[in-house]
Amino acid sequence: SSHIMGWLRQAPGKQREFVAQISRSGGMTYYADSVKGRFTI
């Protein structure tokens, strides 16, 4: 619970990219535009 957590992904031949992050309590999130509305952290 002390860590801000995130998900990142890496497709073949591409750089690792941000997907989503969540605050320590879980009350705040950020999403990449490409996954917004489809993914939930």
PDB file of all heavy atoms in Angstrom:
ATOM      1  N   SER A   1       0.804  -1.218   0.000  1.00  0.00           N
ATOM      2  CA  SER A   1       0.000   0.000   0.000  1.00  0.00           C
ATOM      3  C   SER A   1       0.840   1.272   0.000  1.00  0.00           C
ATOM      4  O   SER A   1       0.296   2.371  -0.148  1.00  0.00           O
ATOM      5  CB  SER A   1      -0.936   0.006   1.208  1.00  0.00           C
ATOM      6  OG  SER A   1      -0.192  -0.019   2.413  1.00  0.00           O
ATOM      7  N   SER A   2       2.146   1.156   0.136  1.00  0.00           N
ATOM      8  CA  SER A   2       3.031   2.319   0.111  1.00  0.00           C
ATOM      9  C   SER A   2       3.446   2.720  -1.298  1.00  0.00           C
ATOM     10  O   SER A   2       4.073   3.761  -1.476  1.00  0.00           O
ATOM     11  CB  SER A   2       4.302   2.037   0.928  1.00  0.00           C
ATOM     12  OG  SER A   2       3.996   1.791   2.281  1.00  0.00           O
ATOM     13  N   HIS A   3       3.105   1.893  -2.277  1.00  0.00           N
ATOM     14  CA  HIS A   3       3.591   2.107  -3.641  1.00  0.00           C
ATOM     15  C   HIS A   3       2.490   2.551  -4.579  1.00  0.00           C
ATOM     16  O   HIS A   3       1.405   1.951  -4.602  1.00  0.00           O
ATOM     17  CB  HIS A   3       4.193   0.813  -4.196  1.00  0.00           C
ATOM     18  CG  HIS A   3       5.351   0.286  -3.418  1.00  0.00           C
ATOM     19  ND1 HIS A   3       6.657   0.648  -3.692  1.00  0.00           N
ATOM     20  CD2 HIS A   3       5.400  -0.572  -2.372  1.00  0.00           C
ATOM     21  CE1 HIS A   3       7.464   0.031  -2.849  1.00  0.00           C
ATOM     22  NE2 HIS A   3       6.734  -0.713  -2.040  1.00  0.00           N
ATOM     23  N   ILE A   4       2.772   3.574  -5.368  1.00  0.00           N
ATOM     24  CA  ILE A   4       1.961   3.829  -6.552  1.00  0.00           C
ATOM     25  C   ILE A   4       2.268   2.697  -7.525  1.00  0.00           C
ATOM     26  O   ILE A   4       3.425   2.328  -7.720  1.00  0.00           O
ATOM     27  CB  ILE A   4       2.323   5.194  -7.178  1.00  0.00           C
ATOM     28  CG1 ILE A   4       1.967   6.321  -6.213  1.00  0.00           C
ATOM     29  CG2 ILE A   4       1.622   5.377  -8.522  1.00  0.00           C
ATOM     30  CD1 ILE A   4       2.509   7.685  -6.636  1.00  0.00           C
ATOM     31  N   MET A   5       1.225   2.141  -8.126  1.00  0.00           N
ATOM     32  CA  MET A   5       1.388   0.970  -8.992  1.00  0.00           C
ATOM     33  C   MET A   5       0.980   1.300 -10.424  1.00  0.00           C
ATOM     34  O   MET A   5       0.113   2.149 -10.660  1.00  0.00           O
ATOM     35  CB  MET A   5       0.525  -0.185  -8.489  1.00  0.00           C
ATOM     36  CG  MET A   5       0.854  -0.663  -7.098  1.00  0.00           C
ATOM     37  SD  MET A   5       2.510  -1.359  -6.967  1.00  0.00           S
ATOM     38  CE  MET A   5       2.387  -2.760  -8.076  1.00  0.00           C
ATOM     39  N   GLY A   6       1.599   0.602 -11.351  1.00  0.00           N
ATOM     40  CA  GLY A   6       1.274   0.825 -12.752  1.00  0.00           C
ATOM     41  C   GLY A   6       1.329  -0.447 -13.569  1.00  0.00           C
ATOM     42  O   GLY A   6       1.891  -1.464 -13.145  1.00  0.00           O
ATOM     43  N   TRP A   7       0.704  -0.392 -14.727  1.00  0.00           N
ATOM     44  CA  TRP A   7       0.817  -1.419 -15.755  1.00  0.00           C
ATOM     45  C   TRP A   7       1.428  -0.757 -16.989  1.00  0.00           C
ATOM     46  O   TRP A   7       0.985   0.324 -17.404  1.00  0.00           O
ATOM     47  CB  TRP A   7      -0.539  -1.997 -16.132  1.00  0.00           C
ATOM     48  CG  TRP A   7      -1.148  -2.889 -15.099  1.00  0.00           C
ATOM     49  CD1 TRP A   7      -2.108  -2.551 -14.184  1.00  0.00           C
ATOM     50  CD2 TRP A   7      -0.875  -4.277 -14.875  1.00  0.00           C
ATOM     51  NE1 TRP A   7      -2.430  -3.639 -13.406  1.00  0.00           N
ATOM     52  CE2 TRP A   7      -1.683  -4.717 -13.818  1.00  0.00           C
ATOM     53  CE3 TRP A   7      -0.011  -5.196 -15.481  1.00  0.00           C
ATOM     54  CZ2 TRP A   7      -1.662  -6.019 -13.348  1.00  0.00           C
ATOM     55  CZ3 TRP A   7       0.010  -6.499 -15.014  1.00  0.00           C
ATOM     56  CH2 TRP A   7      -0.807  -6.908 -13.956  1.00  0.00           C
ATOM     57  N   LEU A   8       2.418  -1.394 -17.546  1.00  0.00           N
ATOM     58  CA  LEU A   8       3.026  -0.979 -18.803  1.00  0.00           C
ATOM     59  C   LEU A   8       3.080  -2.197 -19.700  1.00  0.00           C
ATOM     60  O   LEU A   8       2.976  -3.328 -19.244  1.00  0.00           O
ATOM     61  CB  LEU A   8       4.415  -0.405 -18.563  1.00  0.00           C
ATOM     62  CG  LEU A   8       4.452   0.892 -17.732  1.00  0.00           C
ATOM     63  CD1 LEU A   8       4.575   0.592 -16.242  1.00  0.00           C
ATOM     64  CD2 LEU A   8       5.564   1.806 -18.183  1.00  0.00           C
ATOM     65  N   ARG A   9       3.225  -1.984 -21.005  1.00  0.00           N
ATOM     66  CA  ARG A   9       3.257  -3.100 -21.943  1.00  0.00           C
ATOM     67  C   ARG A   9       4.302  -2.861 -23.015  1.00  0.00           C
ATOM     68  O   ARG A   9       4.673  -1.727 -23.313  1.00  0.00           O
ATOM     69  CB  ARG A   9       1.876  -3.303 -22.574  1.00  0.00           C
ATOM     70  CG  ARG A   9       1.428  -2.174 -23.487  1.00  0.00           C
ATOM     71  CD  ARG A   9      -0.009  -2.405 -23.955  1.00  0.00           C
ATOM     72  NE  ARG A   9      -0.469  -1.350 -24.854  1.00  0.00           N
ATOM     73  CZ  ARG A   9      -1.708  -1.261 -25.327  1.00  0.00           C
ATOM     74  NH1 ARG A   9      -2.629  -2.149 -24.978  1.00  0.00           N
ATOM     75  NH2 ARG A   9      -2.031  -0.272 -26.149  1.00  0.00           N
ATOM     76  N   GLN A  10       4.741  -3.955 -23.608  1.00  0.00           N
ATOM     77  CA  GLN A  10       5.733  -3.878 -24.676  1.00  0.00           C
ATOM     78  C   GLN A  10       5.366  -4.856 -25.776  1.00  0.00           C
ATOM     79  O   GLN A  10       5.334  -6.074 -25.552  1.00  0.00           O
ATOM     80  CB  GLN A  10       7.129  -4.177 -24.150  1.00  0.00           C
ATOM     81  CG  GLN A  10       8.229  -3.933 -25.159  1.00  0.00           C
ATOM     82  CD  GLN A  10       9.602  -3.876 -24.508  1.00  0.00           C
ATOM     83  OE1 GLN A  10       9.804  -4.290 -23.380  1.00  0.00           O
ATOM     84  NE2 GLN A  10      10.574  -3.327 -25.244  1.00  0.00           N
ATOM     85  N   ALA A  11       5.069  -4.312 -26.938  1.00  0.00           N
ATOM     86  CA  ALA A  11       4.774  -5.119 -28.109  1.00  0.00           C
ATOM     87  C   ALA A  11       6.076  -5.451 -28.830  1.00  0.00           C
ATOM     88  O   ALA A  11       7.074  -4.733 -28.682  1.00  0.00           O
ATOM     89  CB  ALA A  11       3.829  -4.358 -29.030  1.00  0.00           C
ATOM     90  N   PRO A  12       6.078  -6.530 -29.627  1.00  0.00           N
ATOM     91  CA  PRO A  12       7.300  -6.901 -30.350  1.00  0.00           C
ATOM     92  C   PRO A  12       7.823  -5.757 -31.209  1.00  0.00           C
ATOM     93  O   PRO A  12       7.070  -5.141 -31.965  1.00  0.00           O
ATOM     94  CB  PRO A  12       6.844  -8.076 -31.207  1.00  0.00           C
ATOM     95  CG  PRO A  12       5.682  -8.649 -30.484  1.00  0.00           C
ATOM     96  CD  PRO A  12       4.989  -7.482 -29.852  1.00  0.00           C
ATOM     97  N   GLY A  13       9.094  -5.460 -31.055  1.00  0.00           N
ATOM     98  CA  GLY A  13       9.715  -4.419 -31.856  1.00  0.00           C
ATOM     99  C   GLY A  13       9.388  -3.000 -31.444  1.00  0.00           C
ATOM    100  O   GLY A  13       9.784  -2.048 -32.134  1.00  0.00           O
ATOM    101  N   LYS A  14       8.689  -2.854 -30.340  1.00  0.00           N
ATOM    102  CA  LYS A  14       8.304  -1.516 -29.894  1.00  0.00           C
ATOM    103  C   LYS A  14       8.837  -1.241 -28.486  1.00  0.00           C
ATOM    104  O   LYS A  14       9.202  -2.152 -27.760  1.00  0.00           O
ATOM    105  CB  LYS A  14       6.783  -1.359 -29.916  1.00  0.00           C
ATOM    106  CG  LYS A  14       6.183  -1.443 -31.305  1.00  0.00           C
ATOM    107  CD  LYS A  14       4.705  -1.098 -31.280  1.00  0.00           C
ATOM    108  CE  LYS A  14       4.114  -1.102 -32.671  1.00  0.00           C
ATOM    109  NZ  LYS A  14       2.671  -0.731 -32.673  1.00  0.00           N
ATOM    110  N   GLN A  15       8.845   0.039 -28.142  1.00  0.00           N
ATOM    111  CA  GLN A  15       9.269   0.416 -26.800  1.00  0.00           C
ATOM    112  C   GLN A  15       8.173   0.113 -25.785  1.00  0.00           C
ATOM    113  O   GLN A  15       6.981   0.057 -26.128  1.00  0.00           O
ATOM    114  CB  GLN A  15       9.619   1.912 -26.770  1.00  0.00           C
ATOM    115  CG  GLN A  15      10.846   2.273 -27.559  1.00  0.00           C
ATOM    116  CD  GLN A  15      11.253   3.725 -27.365  1.00  0.00           C
ATOM    117  OE1 GLN A  15      10.420   4.574 -27.037  1.00  0.00           O
ATOM    118  NE2 GLN A  15      12.523   4.024 -27.561  1.00  0.00           N
ATOM    119  N   ARG A  16       8.583  -0.073 -24.539  1.00  0.00           N
ATOM    120  CA  ARG A  16       7.617  -0.273 -23.467  1.00  0.00           C
ATOM    121  C   ARG A  16       6.798   1.000 -23.296  1.00  0.00           C
ATOM    122  O   ARG A  16       7.354   2.105 -23.306  1.00  0.00           O
ATOM    123  CB  ARG A  16       8.343  -0.634 -22.173  1.00  0.00           C
ATOM    124  CG  ARG A  16       7.464  -1.242 -21.117  1.00  0.00           C
ATOM    125  CD  ARG A  16       8.280  -1.849 -19.987  1.00  0.00           C
ATOM    126  NE  ARG A  16       9.157  -2.921 -20.469  1.00  0.00           N
ATOM    127  CZ  ARG A  16       9.855  -3.700 -19.655  1.00  0.00           C
ATOM    128  NH1 ARG A  16       9.788  -3.537 -18.341  1.00  0.00           N
ATOM    129  NH2 ARG A  16      10.638  -4.642 -20.162  1.00  0.00           N
ATOM    130  N   GLU A  17       5.482   0.840 -23.144  1.00  0.00           N
ATOM    131  CA  GLU A  17       4.617   2.005 -23.047  1.00  0.00           C
ATOM    132  C   GLU A  17       3.687   1.903 -21.846  1.00  0.00           C
ATOM    133  O   GLU A  17       3.308   0.823 -21.406  1.00  0.00           O
ATOM    134  CB  GLU A  17       3.781   2.170 -24.325  1.00  0.00           C
ATOM    135  CG  GLU A  17       2.789   1.064 -24.582  1.00  0.00           C
ATOM    136  CD  GLU A  17       1.901   1.349 -25.787  1.00  0.00           C
ATOM    137  OE1 GLU A  17       2.114   2.359 -26.488  1.00  0.00           O
ATOM    138  OE2 GLU A  17       0.961   0.558 -26.013  1.00  0.00           O
ATOM    139  N   PHE A  18       3.316   3.075 -21.363  1.00  0.00           N
ATOM    140  CA  PHE A  18       2.421   3.195 -20.218  1.00  0.00           C
ATOM    141  C   PHE A  18       1.007   2.759 -20.596  1.00  0.00           C
ATOM    142  O   PHE A  18       0.517   3.074 -21.689  1.00  0.00           O
ATOM    143  CB  PHE A  18       2.424   4.650 -19.762  1.00  0.00           C
ATOM    144  CG  PHE A  18       1.392   4.989 -18.722  1.00  0.00           C
ATOM    145  CD1 PHE A  18       1.585   4.647 -17.396  1.00  0.00           C
ATOM    146  CD2 PHE A  18       0.236   5.657 -19.084  1.00  0.00           C
ATOM    147  CE1 PHE A  18       0.646   4.962 -16.436  1.00  0.00           C
ATOM    148  CE2 PHE A  18      -0.718   5.986 -18.137  1.00  0.00           C
ATOM    149  CZ  PHE A  18      -0.516   5.634 -16.814  1.00  0.00           C
ATOM    150  N   VAL A  19       0.362   2.057 -19.651  1.00  0.00           N
ATOM    151  CA  VAL A  19      -1.025   1.652 -19.844  1.00  0.00           C
ATOM    152  C   VAL A  19      -1.929   2.326 -18.806  1.00  0.00           C
ATOM    153  O   VAL A  19      -2.910   2.986 -19.154  1.00  0.00           O
ATOM    154  CB  VAL A  19      -1.171   0.118 -19.737  1.00  0.00           C
ATOM    155  CG1 VAL A  19      -2.636  -0.289 -19.816  1.00  0.00           C
ATOM    156  CG2 VAL A  19      -0.366  -0.573 -20.828  1.00  0.00           C
ATOM    157  N   ALA A  20      -1.581   2.162 -17.528  1.00  0.00           N
ATOM    158  CA  ALA A  20      -2.430   2.710 -16.463  1.00  0.00           C
ATOM    159  C   ALA A  20      -1.651   2.760 -15.164  1.00  0.00           C
ATOM    160  O   ALA A  20      -0.667   2.047 -14.993  1.00  0.00           O
ATOM    161  CB  ALA A  20      -3.683   1.856 -16.283  1.00  0.00           C
ATOM    162  N   GLN A  21      -2.102   3.622 -14.256  1.00  0.00           N
ATOM    163  CA  GLN A  21      -1.515   3.681 -12.924  1.00  0.00           C
ATOM    164  C   GLN A  21      -2.610   3.943 -11.905  1.00  0.00           C
ATOM    165  O   GLN A  21      -3.702   4.423 -12.246  1.00  0.00           O
ATOM    166  CB  GLN A  21      -0.440   4.758 -12.817  1.00  0.00           C
ATOM    167  CG  GLN A  21      -0.988   6.174 -12.748  1.00  0.00           C
ATOM    168  CD  GLN A  21       0.089   7.218 -12.639  1.00  0.00           C
ATOM    169  OE1 GLN A  21       0.811   7.461 -13.596  1.00  0.00           O
ATOM    170  NE2 GLN A  21       0.182   7.862 -11.475  1.00  0.00           N
ATOM    171  N   ILE A  22      -2.301   3.618 -10.644  1.00  0.00           N
ATOM    172  CA  ILE A  22      -3.279   3.770  -9.576  1.00  0.00           C
ATOM    173  C   ILE A  22      -2.568   4.258  -8.318  1.00  0.00           C
ATOM    174  O   ILE A  22      -1.421   3.898  -8.050  1.00  0.00           O
ATOM    175  CB  ILE A  22      -4.019   2.435  -9.333  1.00  0.00           C
ATOM    176  CG1 ILE A  22      -5.218   2.612  -8.404  1.00  0.00           C
ATOM    177  CG2 ILE A  22      -3.073   1.352  -8.823  1.00  0.00           C
ATOM    178  CD1 ILE A  22      -6.166   1.413  -8.412  1.00  0.00           C
ATOM    179  N   SER A  23      -3.273   5.106  -7.575  1.00  0.00           N
ATOM    180  CA  SER A  23      -2.695   5.674  -6.362  1.00  0.00           C
ATOM    181  C   SER A  23      -2.603   4.636  -5.253  1.00  0.00           C
ATOM    182  O   SER A  23      -3.134   3.528  -5.363  1.00  0.00           O
ATOM    183  CB  SER A  23      -3.543   6.855  -5.896  1.00  0.00           C
ATOM    184  OG  SER A  23      -4.857   6.418  -5.563  1.00  0.00           O
ATOM    185  N   ARG A  24      -1.939   5.013  -4.173  1.00  0.00           N
ATOM    186  CA  ARG A  24      -1.719   4.080  -3.070  1.00  0.00           C
ATOM    187  C   ARG A  24      -3.031   3.564  -2.467  1.00  0.00           C
ATOM    188  O   ARG A  24      -3.148   2.389  -2.132  1.00  0.00           O
ATOM    189  CB  ARG A  24      -0.883   4.754  -1.984  1.00  0.00           C
ATOM    190  CG  ARG A  24       0.538   5.086  -2.422  1.00  0.00           C
ATOM    191  CD  ARG A  24       1.291   5.858  -1.354  1.00  0.00           C
ATOM    192  NE  ARG A  24       2.679   6.098  -1.718  1.00  0.00           N
ATOM    193  CZ  ARG A  24       3.085   7.157  -2.403  1.00  0.00           C
ATOM    194  NH1 ARG A  24       2.227   8.081  -2.777  1.00  0.00           N
ATOM    195  NH2 ARG A  24       4.383   7.290  -2.682  1.00  0.00           N
ATOM    196  N   SER A  25      -4.003   4.430  -2.389  1.00  0.00           N
ATOM    197  CA  SER A  25      -5.291   4.033  -1.805  1.00  0.00           C
ATOM    198  C   SER A  25      -6.225   3.408  -2.839  1.00  0.00           C
ATOM    199  O   SER A  25      -7.222   2.776  -2.483  1.00  0.00           O
ATOM    200  CB  SER A  25      -5.985   5.251  -1.201  1.00  0.00           C
ATOM    201  OG  SER A  25      -6.367   6.155  -2.224  1.00  0.00           O
ATOM    202  N   GLY A  26      -5.922   3.611  -4.098  1.00  0.00           N
ATOM    203  CA  GLY A  26      -6.783   3.122  -5.172  1.00  0.00           C
ATOM    204  C   GLY A  26      -7.816   4.133  -5.626  1.00  0.00           C
ATOM    205  O   GLY A  26      -8.595   3.865  -6.535  1.00  0.00           O
ATOM    206  N   GLY A  27      -7.802   5.300  -5.033  1.00  0.00           N
ATOM    207  CA  GLY A  27      -8.830   6.278  -5.333  1.00  0.00           C
ATOM    208  C   GLY A  27      -8.592   7.117  -6.569  1.00  0.00           C
ATOM    209  O   GLY A  27      -9.507   7.782  -7.055  1.00  0.00           O
ATOM    210  N   MET A  28      -7.380   7.106  -7.089  1.00  0.00           N
ATOM    211  CA  MET A  28      -7.058   7.906  -8.282  1.00  0.00           C
ATOM    212  C   MET A  28      -6.364   7.038  -9.318  1.00  0.00           C
ATOM    213  O   MET A  28      -5.586   6.148  -8.968  1.00  0.00           O
ATOM    214  CB  MET A  28      -6.164   9.084  -7.895  1.00  0.00           C
ATOM    215  CG  MET A  28      -6.830  10.098  -7.000  1.00  0.00           C
ATOM    216  SD  MET A  28      -5.772  11.500  -6.619  1.00  0.00           S
ATOM    217  CE  MET A  28      -4.575  10.740  -5.523  1.00  0.00           C
ATOM    218  N   THR A  29      -6.658   7.307 -10.573  1.00  0.00           N
ATOM    219  CA  THR A  29      -6.081   6.537 -11.666  1.00  0.00           C
ATOM    220  C   THR A  29      -5.735   7.439 -12.844  1.00  0.00           C
ATOM    221  O   THR A  29      -6.275   8.545 -12.983  1.00  0.00           O
ATOM    222  CB  THR A  29      -7.061   5.460 -12.168  1.00  0.00           C
ATOM    223  OG1 THR A  29      -8.286   6.094 -12.566  1.00  0.00           O
ATOM    224  CG2 THR A  29      -7.351   4.418 -11.102  1.00  0.00           C
ATOM    225  N   TYR A  30      -4.825   6.934 -13.672  1.00  0.00           N
ATOM    226  CA  TYR A  30      -4.527   7.521 -14.971  1.00  0.00           C
ATOM    227  C   TYR A  30      -4.559   6.382 -15.990  1.00  0.00           C
ATOM    228  O   TYR A  30      -4.175   5.263 -15.674  1.00  0.00           O
ATOM    229  CB  TYR A  30      -3.129   8.147 -15.004  1.00  0.00           C
ATOM    230  CG  TYR A  30      -2.994   9.531 -14.421  1.00  0.00           C
ATOM    231  CD1 TYR A  30      -2.080   9.780 -13.401  1.00  0.00           C
ATOM    232  CD2 TYR A  30      -3.727  10.600 -14.913  1.00  0.00           C
ATOM    233  CE1 TYR A  30      -1.917  11.040 -12.864  1.00  0.00           C
ATOM    234  CE2 TYR A  30      -3.573  11.876 -14.384  1.00  0.00           C
ATOM    235  CZ  TYR A  30      -2.667  12.088 -13.359  1.00  0.00           C
ATOM    236  OH  TYR A  30      -2.502  13.349 -12.830  1.00  0.00           O
ATOM    237  N   TYR A  31      -4.958   6.707 -17.226  1.00  0.00           N
ATOM    238  CA  TYR A  31      -4.956   5.727 -18.303  1.00  0.00           C
ATOM    239  C   TYR A  31      -4.349   6.338 -19.564  1.00  0.00           C
ATOM    240  O   TYR A  31      -4.503   7.528 -19.834  1.00  0.00           O
ATOM    241  CB  TYR A  31      -6.381   5.281 -18.642  1.00  0.00           C
ATOM    242  CG  TYR A  31      -7.048   4.477 -17.556  1.00  0.00           C
ATOM    243  CD1 TYR A  31      -7.867   5.104 -16.622  1.00  0.00           C
ATOM    244  CD2 TYR A  31      -6.869   3.099 -17.473  1.00  0.00           C
ATOM    245  CE1 TYR A  31      -8.485   4.376 -15.610  1.00  0.00           C
ATOM    246  CE2 TYR A  31      -7.479   2.361 -16.461  1.00  0.00           C
ATOM    247  CZ  TYR A  31      -8.280   3.008 -15.539  1.00  0.00           C
ATOM    248  OH  TYR A  31      -8.881   2.283 -14.552  1.00  0.00           O
ATOM    249  N   ALA A  32      -3.708   5.490 -20.331  1.00  0.00           N
ATOM    250  CA  ALA A  32      -3.303   5.898 -21.669  1.00  0.00           C
ATOM    251  C   ALA A  32      -4.556   6.070 -22.526  1.00  0.00           C
ATOM    252  O   ALA A  32      -5.552   5.346 -22.341  1.00  0.00           O
ATOM    253  CB  ALA A  32      -2.396   4.838 -22.290  1.00  0.00           C
ATOM    254  N   ASP A  33      -4.516   7.003 -23.443  1.00  0.00           N
ATOM    255  CA  ASP A  33      -5.685   7.256 -24.292  1.00  0.00           C
ATOM    256  C   ASP A  33      -6.105   6.009 -25.059  1.00  0.00           C
ATOM    257  O   ASP A  33      -7.296   5.788 -25.306  1.00  0.00           O
ATOM    258  CB  ASP A  33      -5.377   8.376 -25.276  1.00  0.00           C
ATOM    259  CG  ASP A  33      -5.333   9.751 -24.606  1.00  0.00           C
ATOM    260  OD1 ASP A  33      -5.844   9.877 -23.478  1.00  0.00           O
ATOM    261  OD2 ASP A  33      -4.777  10.676 -25.222  1.00  0.00           O
ATOM    262  N   SER A  34      -5.147   5.173 -25.422  1.00  0.00           N
ATOM    263  CA  SER A  34      -5.440   3.992 -26.238  1.00  0.00           C
ATOM    264  C   SER A  34      -6.269   2.942 -25.498  1.00  0.00           C
ATOM    265  O   SER A  34      -6.867   2.074 -26.144  1.00  0.00           O
ATOM    266  CB  SER A  34      -4.139   3.369 -26.732  1.00  0.00           C
ATOM    267  OG  SER A  34      -3.309   2.995 -25.639  1.00  0.00           O
ATOM    268  N   VAL A  35      -6.302   2.989 -24.176  1.00  0.00           N
ATOM    269  CA  VAL A  35      -7.033   1.976 -23.411  1.00  0.00           C
ATOM    270  C   VAL A  35      -8.183   2.567 -22.608  1.00  0.00           C
ATOM    271  O   VAL A  35      -8.969   1.821 -22.008  1.00  0.00           O
ATOM    272  CB  VAL A  35      -6.100   1.197 -22.472  1.00  0.00           C
ATOM    273  CG1 VAL A  35      -4.914   0.623 -23.243  1.00  0.00           C
ATOM    274  CG2 VAL A  35      -5.625   2.039 -21.295  1.00  0.00           C
ATOM    275  N   LYS A  36      -8.285   3.876 -22.593  1.00  0.00           N
ATOM    276  CA  LYS A  36      -9.312   4.536 -21.785  1.00  0.00           C
ATOM    277  C   LYS A  36     -10.692   4.059 -22.211  1.00  0.00           C
ATOM    278  O   LYS A  36     -11.008   3.999 -23.405  1.00  0.00           O
ATOM    279  CB  LYS A  36      -9.183   6.052 -21.951  1.00  0.00           C
ATOM    280  CG  LYS A  36      -9.779   6.871 -20.833  1.00  0.00           C
ATOM    281  CD  LYS A  36      -9.390   8.339 -20.997  1.00  0.00           C
ATOM    282  CE  LYS A  36      -7.916   8.580 -20.814  1.00  0.00           C
ATOM    283  NZ  LYS A  36      -7.551  10.013 -20.895  1.00  0.00           N
ATOM    284  N   GLY A  37     -11.514   3.686 -21.237  1.00  0.00           N
ATOM    285  CA  GLY A  37     -12.857   3.202 -21.523  1.00  0.00           C
ATOM    286  C   GLY A  37     -12.933   1.711 -21.752  1.00  0.00           C
ATOM    287  O   GLY A  37     -14.030   1.136 -21.782  1.00  0.00           O
ATOM    288  N   ARG A  38     -11.782   1.046 -21.933  1.00  0.00           N
ATOM    289  CA  ARG A  38     -11.756  -0.406 -22.157  1.00  0.00           C
ATOM    290  C   ARG A  38     -11.062  -1.148 -21.018  1.00  0.00           C
ATOM    291  O   ARG A  38     -11.444  -2.277 -20.696  1.00  0.00           O
ATOM    292  CB  ARG A  38     -11.037  -0.720 -23.458  1.00  0.00           C
ATOM    293  CG  ARG A  38     -11.678  -0.100 -24.686  1.00  0.00           C
ATOM    294  CD  ARG A  38     -11.017  -0.614 -25.980  1.00  0.00           C
ATOM    295  NE  ARG A  38      -9.603  -0.256 -26.068  1.00  0.00           N
ATOM    296  CZ  ARG A  38      -8.619  -1.154 -26.198  1.00  0.00           C
ATOM    297  NH1 ARG A  38      -8.891  -2.439 -26.260  1.00  0.00           N
ATOM    298  NH2 ARG A  38      -7.353  -0.746 -26.280  1.00  0.00           N
ATOM    299  N   PHE A  39     -10.042  -0.528 -20.436  1.00  0.00           N
ATOM    300  CA  PHE A  39      -9.266  -1.158 -19.359  1.00  0.00           C
ATOM    301  C   PHE A  39      -9.580  -0.476 -18.038  1.00  0.00           C
ATOM    302  O   PHE A  39      -9.830   0.733 -17.983  1.00  0.00           O
ATOM    303  CB  PHE A  39      -7.768  -1.022 -19.620  1.00  0.00           C
ATOM    304  CG  PHE A  39      -7.244  -1.841 -20.768  1.00  0.00           C
ATOM    305  CD1 PHE A  39      -8.071  -2.463 -21.684  1.00  0.00           C
ATOM    306  CD2 PHE A  39      -5.866  -1.975 -20.939  1.00  0.00           C
ATOM    307  CE1 PHE A  39      -7.566  -3.201 -22.730  1.00  0.00           C
ATOM    308  CE2 PHE A  39      -5.337  -2.717 -21.975  1.00  0.00           C
ATOM    309  CZ  PHE A  39      -6.191  -3.322 -22.889  1.00  0.00           C
ATOM    310  N   THR A  40      -9.522  -1.266 -16.954  1.00  0.00           N
ATOM    311  CA  THR A  40      -9.710  -0.733 -15.607  1.00  0.00           C
ATOM    312  C   THR A  40      -8.625  -1.272 -14.683  1.00  0.00           C
ATOM    313  O   THR A  40      -8.464  -2.491 -14.562  1.00  0.00           O
ATOM    314  CB  THR A  40     -11.084  -1.114 -15.046  1.00  0.00           C
ATOM    315  OG1 THR A  40     -12.117  -0.637 -15.917  1.00  0.00           O
ATOM    316  CG2 THR A  40     -11.286  -0.509 -13.663  1.00  0.00           C
ATOM    317  N   ILE A  41      -7.902  -0.358 -14.061  1.00  0.00           N
ATOM    318  CA  ILE A  41      -6.889  -0.740 -13.078  1.00  0.00           C
ATOM    319  C   ILE A  41      -7.507  -0.655 -11.689  1.00  0.00           C
ATOM    320  O   ILE A  41      -8.291   0.260 -11.397  1.00  0.00           O
ATOM    321  CB  ILE A  41      -5.634   0.155 -13.191  1.00  0.00           C
ATOM    322  CG1 ILE A  41      -4.512  -0.354 -12.295  1.00  0.00           C
ATOM    323  CG2 ILE A  41      -5.966   1.614 -12.891  1.00  0.00           C
ATOM    324  CD1 ILE A  41      -3.174   0.365 -12.516  1.00  0.00           C
TER     325      ILE A  41
END
